[in-house]
N, C-alpha and C. Protein backbone atom coordinates (compact mmCIF):
# COMPACT_ATOMS: atom_id res chain seq x y z
N MET A 1 -20.81 6.00 -34.98
CA MET A 1 -20.13 5.93 -33.73
C MET A 1 -20.44 4.54 -33.07
N VAL A 2 -19.59 3.84 -32.55
CA VAL A 2 -19.84 2.64 -31.81
C VAL A 2 -19.76 2.90 -30.23
N LEU A 3 -20.75 2.39 -29.54
CA LEU A 3 -20.70 2.56 -28.11
C LEU A 3 -20.36 1.13 -27.71
N VAL A 4 -19.58 1.30 -26.55
CA VAL A 4 -19.07 0.12 -26.04
C VAL A 4 -19.51 -0.05 -24.53
N ASP A 5 -20.06 -1.20 -24.11
CA ASP A 5 -20.34 -1.49 -22.81
C ASP A 5 -19.15 -1.21 -21.83
N THR A 6 -19.07 -0.51 -20.68
CA THR A 6 -18.00 -0.31 -19.91
C THR A 6 -18.28 -1.00 -18.57
N GLY A 7 -17.43 -1.35 -17.75
CA GLY A 7 -17.69 -1.96 -16.60
C GLY A 7 -16.82 -1.32 -15.58
N ILE A 8 -17.32 -1.41 -14.30
CA ILE A 8 -16.50 -1.03 -13.15
C ILE A 8 -16.17 -2.15 -12.39
N PHE A 9 -14.82 -2.25 -12.19
CA PHE A 9 -14.15 -3.27 -11.43
C PHE A 9 -13.69 -2.64 -10.01
N ILE A 10 -13.92 -3.54 -9.19
CA ILE A 10 -13.17 -2.93 -7.76
C ILE A 10 -12.34 -4.18 -7.24
N ALA A 11 -11.20 -3.89 -7.04
CA ALA A 11 -10.29 -5.04 -6.69
C ALA A 11 -9.41 -4.50 -5.64
N ASP A 12 -9.04 -5.49 -4.69
CA ASP A 12 -8.10 -5.24 -3.62
C ASP A 12 -6.71 -5.25 -4.28
N LEU A 13 -5.74 -4.76 -3.49
CA LEU A 13 -4.29 -4.39 -4.11
C LEU A 13 -3.50 -5.69 -4.00
N ASP A 14 -4.05 -6.81 -4.21
CA ASP A 14 -3.21 -8.00 -4.27
C ASP A 14 -3.13 -8.64 -5.81
N GLU A 15 -2.04 -9.31 -5.88
CA GLU A 15 -1.67 -9.62 -7.41
C GLU A 15 -2.73 -10.38 -8.00
N ASP A 16 -3.30 -11.42 -7.35
CA ASP A 16 -4.43 -12.24 -8.09
C ASP A 16 -5.60 -11.51 -8.50
N ALA A 17 -6.04 -10.52 -7.56
CA ALA A 17 -7.19 -9.69 -7.99
C ALA A 17 -6.93 -8.64 -8.94
N LEU A 18 -5.64 -8.05 -8.95
CA LEU A 18 -5.33 -7.04 -9.96
C LEU A 18 -5.16 -7.79 -11.40
N ASP A 19 -4.45 -9.02 -11.37
CA ASP A 19 -4.36 -9.77 -12.55
C ASP A 19 -5.75 -10.22 -13.19
N LYS A 20 -6.66 -10.51 -12.49
CA LYS A 20 -7.98 -10.76 -12.88
C LYS A 20 -8.55 -9.67 -13.50
N MET A 21 -8.64 -8.38 -12.84
CA MET A 21 -8.98 -7.12 -13.36
C MET A 21 -8.29 -6.77 -14.64
N ALA A 22 -7.07 -6.76 -14.77
CA ALA A 22 -6.29 -6.50 -16.08
C ALA A 22 -6.76 -7.47 -17.15
N LYS A 23 -7.03 -8.77 -16.80
CA LYS A 23 -7.21 -9.64 -17.87
C LYS A 23 -8.73 -9.50 -18.41
N ALA A 24 -9.52 -8.77 -17.62
CA ALA A 24 -10.94 -8.68 -17.85
C ALA A 24 -11.23 -7.49 -18.94
N THR A 25 -10.24 -6.83 -19.25
CA THR A 25 -10.35 -5.52 -19.96
C THR A 25 -9.11 -5.25 -20.88
N ARG A 26 -9.45 -4.47 -22.04
CA ARG A 26 -8.41 -4.15 -22.85
C ARG A 26 -7.62 -2.79 -22.45
N CYS A 27 -8.50 -2.07 -21.70
CA CYS A 27 -7.84 -0.81 -21.26
C CYS A 27 -8.36 -0.39 -19.73
N LEU A 28 -7.54 -0.23 -19.01
CA LEU A 28 -8.01 0.10 -17.52
C LEU A 28 -7.70 1.56 -17.38
N ILE A 29 -8.66 2.31 -16.71
CA ILE A 29 -8.43 3.79 -16.37
C ILE A 29 -8.63 3.87 -14.98
N SER A 30 -7.56 4.40 -14.33
CA SER A 30 -7.61 4.52 -12.90
C SER A 30 -7.61 6.02 -12.54
N THR A 31 -8.46 6.40 -11.57
CA THR A 31 -8.60 7.70 -10.86
C THR A 31 -8.29 7.58 -9.52
N VAL A 32 -7.65 6.54 -9.01
CA VAL A 32 -7.53 6.32 -7.54
C VAL A 32 -6.14 6.53 -7.16
N GLY A 33 -6.14 7.64 -6.30
CA GLY A 33 -4.71 8.14 -5.82
C GLY A 33 -4.71 8.30 -4.35
N PRO A 34 -3.51 8.53 -3.84
CA PRO A 34 -2.27 8.86 -4.53
C PRO A 34 -1.63 7.72 -5.13
N PHE A 35 -1.34 7.80 -6.30
CA PHE A 35 -0.79 6.80 -7.26
C PHE A 35 0.43 6.13 -6.65
N ILE A 36 1.23 6.83 -6.03
CA ILE A 36 2.67 6.29 -5.59
C ILE A 36 2.06 5.22 -4.47
N ARG A 37 0.98 5.34 -3.85
CA ARG A 37 0.55 4.41 -3.04
C ARG A 37 -0.37 3.20 -3.51
N TYR A 38 -1.18 3.66 -4.39
CA TYR A 38 -2.33 2.61 -4.90
C TYR A 38 -2.00 2.29 -6.39
N GLY A 39 -1.16 2.90 -7.12
CA GLY A 39 -1.01 2.73 -8.59
C GLY A 39 -0.04 1.72 -9.01
N THR A 40 0.99 1.59 -8.58
CA THR A 40 2.16 0.74 -8.94
C THR A 40 1.65 -0.61 -9.23
N ALA A 41 1.17 -1.27 -8.19
CA ALA A 41 0.55 -2.63 -8.47
C ALA A 41 -0.35 -2.87 -9.65
N VAL A 42 -1.19 -1.75 -9.81
CA VAL A 42 -2.09 -1.68 -10.88
C VAL A 42 -1.51 -1.75 -12.24
N VAL A 43 -0.50 -0.64 -12.34
CA VAL A 43 0.39 -0.59 -13.71
C VAL A 43 1.20 -2.04 -13.86
N GLU A 44 1.59 -2.54 -12.84
CA GLU A 44 2.41 -3.76 -13.06
C GLU A 44 1.44 -4.89 -13.65
N ALA A 45 0.19 -5.07 -13.15
CA ALA A 45 -0.90 -5.96 -13.60
C ALA A 45 -1.05 -5.63 -15.15
N CYS A 46 -1.20 -4.39 -15.36
CA CYS A 46 -1.49 -4.06 -16.74
C CYS A 46 -0.33 -4.53 -17.60
N ALA A 47 0.78 -4.14 -17.15
CA ALA A 47 2.01 -4.25 -18.05
C ALA A 47 2.31 -5.77 -18.38
N VAL A 48 2.12 -6.53 -17.22
CA VAL A 48 2.40 -8.06 -17.45
C VAL A 48 1.32 -8.61 -18.28
N ASN A 49 -0.04 -8.19 -18.21
CA ASN A 49 -1.04 -8.86 -18.91
C ASN A 49 -1.34 -8.17 -20.25
N GLY A 50 -0.60 -7.18 -20.72
CA GLY A 50 -0.79 -6.65 -22.05
C GLY A 50 -2.16 -5.63 -22.17
N THR A 51 -2.46 -5.11 -20.81
CA THR A 51 -3.72 -4.28 -20.81
C THR A 51 -3.30 -2.79 -20.83
N HIS A 52 -3.86 -1.94 -21.80
CA HIS A 52 -3.55 -0.61 -21.90
C HIS A 52 -4.04 0.02 -20.57
N TYR A 53 -3.28 1.04 -20.04
CA TYR A 53 -3.38 1.82 -18.74
C TYR A 53 -3.43 3.24 -18.88
N VAL A 54 -4.46 3.96 -18.42
CA VAL A 54 -4.43 5.28 -18.30
C VAL A 54 -4.84 5.79 -16.92
N ASP A 55 -4.19 6.90 -16.54
CA ASP A 55 -4.66 7.50 -15.14
C ASP A 55 -4.57 8.90 -15.14
N SER A 56 -4.87 9.50 -14.00
CA SER A 56 -5.17 10.92 -13.98
C SER A 56 -4.06 11.65 -13.04
N THR A 57 -2.96 10.91 -12.78
CA THR A 57 -2.04 11.42 -11.90
C THR A 57 -1.23 12.68 -12.21
N GLY A 58 -0.68 13.41 -11.35
CA GLY A 58 0.12 14.49 -11.50
C GLY A 58 1.19 14.37 -10.74
N GLU A 59 1.56 13.02 -10.23
CA GLU A 59 2.72 12.73 -9.45
C GLU A 59 3.94 12.40 -10.34
N ILE A 60 4.77 13.44 -10.61
CA ILE A 60 5.68 13.23 -11.73
C ILE A 60 6.82 12.31 -11.37
N THR A 61 7.23 12.25 -10.07
CA THR A 61 8.23 11.38 -9.54
C THR A 61 7.85 9.98 -9.61
N TRP A 62 6.50 9.74 -9.43
CA TRP A 62 6.14 8.36 -9.56
C TRP A 62 6.02 7.89 -10.91
N VAL A 63 5.62 8.88 -12.01
CA VAL A 63 5.59 8.48 -13.30
C VAL A 63 6.95 8.06 -13.84
N LYS A 64 7.96 8.79 -13.35
CA LYS A 64 9.34 8.33 -13.92
C LYS A 64 9.67 7.21 -13.32
N GLU A 65 9.30 6.73 -12.11
CA GLU A 65 9.58 5.39 -11.50
C GLU A 65 8.86 4.34 -12.29
N ILE A 66 7.53 4.60 -12.75
CA ILE A 66 6.91 3.59 -13.47
C ILE A 66 7.54 3.46 -14.73
N VAL A 67 7.88 4.31 -15.55
CA VAL A 67 8.46 4.30 -16.75
C VAL A 67 9.72 3.47 -16.70
N ASP A 68 10.53 3.83 -15.87
CA ASP A 68 11.79 2.96 -15.67
C ASP A 68 11.59 1.56 -15.23
N LYS A 69 10.60 1.31 -14.46
CA LYS A 69 10.40 0.03 -13.97
C LYS A 69 9.54 -0.87 -14.99
N TYR A 70 8.56 -0.37 -15.68
CA TYR A 70 7.68 -1.12 -16.35
C TYR A 70 7.44 -0.85 -17.99
N HIS A 71 8.20 -0.01 -18.50
CA HIS A 71 8.17 0.29 -19.88
C HIS A 71 8.59 -0.90 -20.78
N LYS A 72 9.67 -1.53 -20.48
CA LYS A 72 9.97 -2.78 -21.28
C LYS A 72 8.95 -3.80 -21.26
N THR A 73 8.43 -4.23 -20.00
CA THR A 73 7.60 -5.23 -19.74
C THR A 73 6.11 -4.76 -20.53
N ALA A 74 5.62 -3.68 -20.49
CA ALA A 74 4.52 -3.18 -21.08
C ALA A 74 4.78 -3.50 -22.75
N LYS A 75 5.92 -2.78 -23.18
CA LYS A 75 6.22 -2.94 -24.64
C LYS A 75 6.15 -4.40 -25.20
N VAL A 76 6.74 -5.32 -24.38
CA VAL A 76 6.89 -6.60 -24.98
C VAL A 76 5.46 -7.30 -24.99
N ASN A 77 4.58 -6.90 -23.96
CA ASN A 77 3.29 -7.57 -23.83
C ASN A 77 2.26 -6.74 -24.66
N GLY A 78 2.43 -5.64 -25.39
CA GLY A 78 1.63 -4.97 -26.22
C GLY A 78 0.86 -3.88 -25.44
N ALA A 79 1.29 -3.55 -24.32
CA ALA A 79 0.28 -2.56 -23.61
C ALA A 79 0.96 -1.10 -23.67
N ILE A 80 0.06 -0.20 -23.64
CA ILE A 80 0.54 1.15 -23.66
C ILE A 80 0.06 1.71 -22.28
N VAL A 81 1.07 2.36 -21.77
CA VAL A 81 0.97 2.82 -20.20
C VAL A 81 1.02 4.42 -20.29
N SER A 82 -0.04 5.07 -19.93
CA SER A 82 0.00 6.50 -20.21
C SER A 82 -0.47 7.27 -18.95
N GLU A 83 0.52 7.72 -18.22
CA GLU A 83 0.00 8.48 -16.94
C GLU A 83 -0.27 9.96 -17.47
N ASN A 84 -0.81 10.69 -16.59
CA ASN A 84 -1.05 11.99 -16.70
C ASN A 84 -2.01 12.39 -17.89
N LEU A 85 -2.60 11.46 -18.49
CA LEU A 85 -3.47 11.64 -19.67
C LEU A 85 -4.62 12.83 -19.35
N PHE A 86 -5.24 12.72 -18.26
CA PHE A 86 -6.23 13.68 -18.00
C PHE A 86 -5.79 15.07 -17.78
N VAL A 87 -4.38 15.06 -17.33
CA VAL A 87 -3.84 16.44 -16.98
C VAL A 87 -3.52 17.05 -18.27
N VAL A 88 -2.99 16.24 -19.21
CA VAL A 88 -2.72 16.80 -20.58
C VAL A 88 -3.89 17.18 -21.10
N PHE A 89 -4.93 16.34 -21.17
CA PHE A 89 -6.16 16.81 -21.87
C PHE A 89 -6.63 18.12 -21.48
N PHE A 90 -6.70 18.28 -20.14
CA PHE A 90 -7.36 19.53 -19.55
C PHE A 90 -6.43 20.64 -19.88
N PHE A 91 -5.01 20.55 -19.96
CA PHE A 91 -4.18 21.46 -20.26
C PHE A 91 -4.41 22.06 -21.82
N PHE A 92 -4.64 21.03 -22.69
CA PHE A 92 -4.96 21.60 -23.93
C PHE A 92 -6.27 22.02 -24.24
N ALA A 93 -7.19 21.36 -23.57
CA ALA A 93 -8.66 21.89 -23.65
C ALA A 93 -8.61 23.31 -23.07
N SER A 94 -8.00 23.63 -22.22
CA SER A 94 -7.94 25.04 -21.65
C SER A 94 -7.20 25.98 -22.48
N PHE A 95 -6.15 25.55 -23.22
CA PHE A 95 -5.33 26.38 -24.07
C PHE A 95 -6.17 26.55 -25.37
N LEU A 96 -6.94 25.61 -25.88
CA LEU A 96 -7.66 25.78 -27.00
C LEU A 96 -8.91 26.76 -26.65
N GLY A 97 -9.39 26.69 -25.56
CA GLY A 97 -10.63 27.66 -25.19
C GLY A 97 -10.14 29.04 -25.03
N GLU A 98 -8.78 29.46 -24.99
CA GLU A 98 -8.46 30.76 -24.96
C GLU A 98 -8.47 31.53 -26.22
N GLU A 99 -8.67 32.77 -26.25
CA GLU A 99 -8.76 33.56 -27.46
C GLU A 99 -7.62 34.32 -27.59
């Protein structure tokens, strides 16, 4: 097993700060919501800069908006954008824990 140093970045919701944050990592994990208010600019920075993005949202209408708006950009730049990952993980973890 290889352990990787992780960093915590705090950035304002402006394009320059978010681009700098997205460029500083290969995968950005966000738990700051509501995502419809705080997440769109972060996803955009990741999609444009080819940075993988994961979050914990449960905001389904926002997820649809993000997929419609940023899927092509993320794909072209080699980024994987995955909303709801933690929700899915906990669903399967609880399902597997049932007897």
